[in-house]
Amino acid sequence: MKWMEVCEHYPDRIVLVEALESTSINNIRTIEDMSIIAEFNEDLEAWHEYKKLHKNSPDRELYIFHTSKEKAEVKEHFLLGLEIVYDHAY
């Protein structure tokens, strides 16, 4: 699902998504295609679900976004050779 479709189907919601297709340019990771895992009213609920899923499947590319955002993108940060991705879109 494209971000515009997500925003249409889940207006003014917090969504937990899994990236199916993404690109990185100049340390900005853009999620181009995604699947919706869950929607939430509260950000704390979303973070609890994110942590649970990430603990069980750390290789999955999971993100939390609010659908009021124009784009589904995050800023990438690197630390000691390990990629650390922080979600600046929410």
Protein backbone atom coordinates (compact mmCIF):
# COMPACT_ATOMS: atom_id res chain seq x y z
CA MET A 1 0.00 0.00 0.00
CA LYS A 2 1.28 3.47 -0.82
CA TRP A 3 1.38 6.20 1.83
CA MET A 4 -1.38 8.23 0.15
CA GLU A 5 -3.68 5.18 0.31
CA VAL A 6 -2.82 4.65 3.99
CA CYS A 7 -3.73 8.26 4.76
CA GLU A 8 -7.05 7.91 2.90
CA HIS A 9 -7.99 4.66 4.67
CA TYR A 10 -6.76 5.72 8.14
CA PRO A 11 -7.28 9.50 8.43
CA ASP A 12 -5.82 11.18 11.51
CA ARG A 13 -4.61 7.85 12.95
CA ILE A 14 -1.38 6.39 14.28
CA VAL A 15 -0.34 3.38 12.21
CA LEU A 16 2.25 0.66 12.68
CA VAL A 17 3.55 -0.39 9.28
CA GLU A 18 6.03 -2.83 7.82
CA ALA A 19 8.08 -1.54 4.91
CA LEU A 20 7.82 -3.74 1.84
CA GLU A 21 9.79 -1.42 -0.41
CA SER A 22 11.97 1.49 0.68
CA THR A 23 14.86 3.60 -0.55
CA SER A 24 17.55 5.67 1.15
CA ILE A 25 18.89 8.89 -0.33
CA ASN A 26 21.03 11.34 1.65
CA ASN A 27 20.21 9.60 4.96
CA ILE A 28 16.45 9.87 4.38
CA ARG A 29 14.66 6.52 4.18
CA THR A 30 11.43 6.73 2.21
CA ILE A 31 8.89 3.95 2.64
CA GLU A 32 7.37 3.52 -0.80
CA ASP A 33 5.24 0.43 -0.25
CA MET A 34 4.03 -0.86 3.11
CA SER A 35 1.60 -3.15 4.85
CA ILE A 36 -0.51 -1.97 7.76
CA ILE A 37 0.01 -4.03 10.88
CA ALA A 38 -2.29 -2.06 13.20
CA GLU A 39 -3.86 1.33 13.85
CA PHE A 40 -4.02 3.10 17.19
CA ASN A 41 -5.54 6.05 19.02
CA GLU A 42 -2.58 6.50 21.36
CA ASP A 43 1.13 6.58 20.53
CA LEU A 44 2.00 4.59 23.65
CA GLU A 45 -0.15 1.69 22.43
CA ALA A 46 1.69 1.77 19.11
CA TRP A 47 5.10 1.73 20.82
CA HIS A 48 4.14 -1.25 22.98
CA GLU A 49 3.11 -3.21 19.89
CA TYR A 50 6.23 -2.09 17.99
CA LYS A 51 8.53 -3.26 20.81
CA LYS A 52 6.78 -6.62 21.06
CA LEU A 53 7.02 -7.27 17.32
CA HIS A 54 10.60 -5.99 17.07
CA LYS A 55 11.70 -8.23 19.94
CA ASN A 56 10.27 -11.31 18.20
CA SER A 57 11.35 -10.34 14.67
CA PRO A 58 14.20 -7.80 14.74
CA ASP A 59 14.81 -8.17 10.99
CA ARG A 60 11.43 -6.68 10.08
CA GLU A 61 11.48 -3.05 8.98
CA LEU A 62 8.76 -1.57 11.21
CA TYR A 63 7.74 2.05 11.61
CA ILE A 64 5.15 4.14 13.43
CA PHE A 65 3.64 7.10 11.60
CA HIS A 66 0.77 9.51 12.08
CA THR A 67 -1.30 9.81 8.92
CA SER A 68 -1.33 13.60 9.14
CA LYS A 69 2.25 13.51 7.85
CA GLU A 70 2.83 14.31 4.19
CA LYS A 71 5.37 11.53 3.59
CA ALA A 72 6.35 8.20 5.12
CA GLU A 73 10.03 8.84 5.66
CA VAL A 74 12.57 8.65 8.44
CA LYS A 75 16.02 10.11 8.98
CA GLU A 76 18.80 7.55 9.25
CA HIS A 77 21.59 7.88 11.78
CA PHE A 78 24.73 5.75 11.92
CA LEU A 79 26.64 4.92 15.08
CA LEU A 80 29.87 2.89 15.26
CA GLY A 81 29.18 1.24 11.92
CA LEU A 82 25.72 0.06 12.95
CA GLU A 83 22.69 1.53 11.27
CA ILE A 84 20.33 3.18 13.72
CA VAL A 85 17.07 4.47 12.26
CA TYR A 86 15.07 7.07 14.14
CA ASP A 87 11.53 7.87 13.11
CA HIS A 88 11.29 11.61 12.60
CA ALA A 89 8.07 11.40 10.61
CA TYR A 90 5.77 10.82 13.58
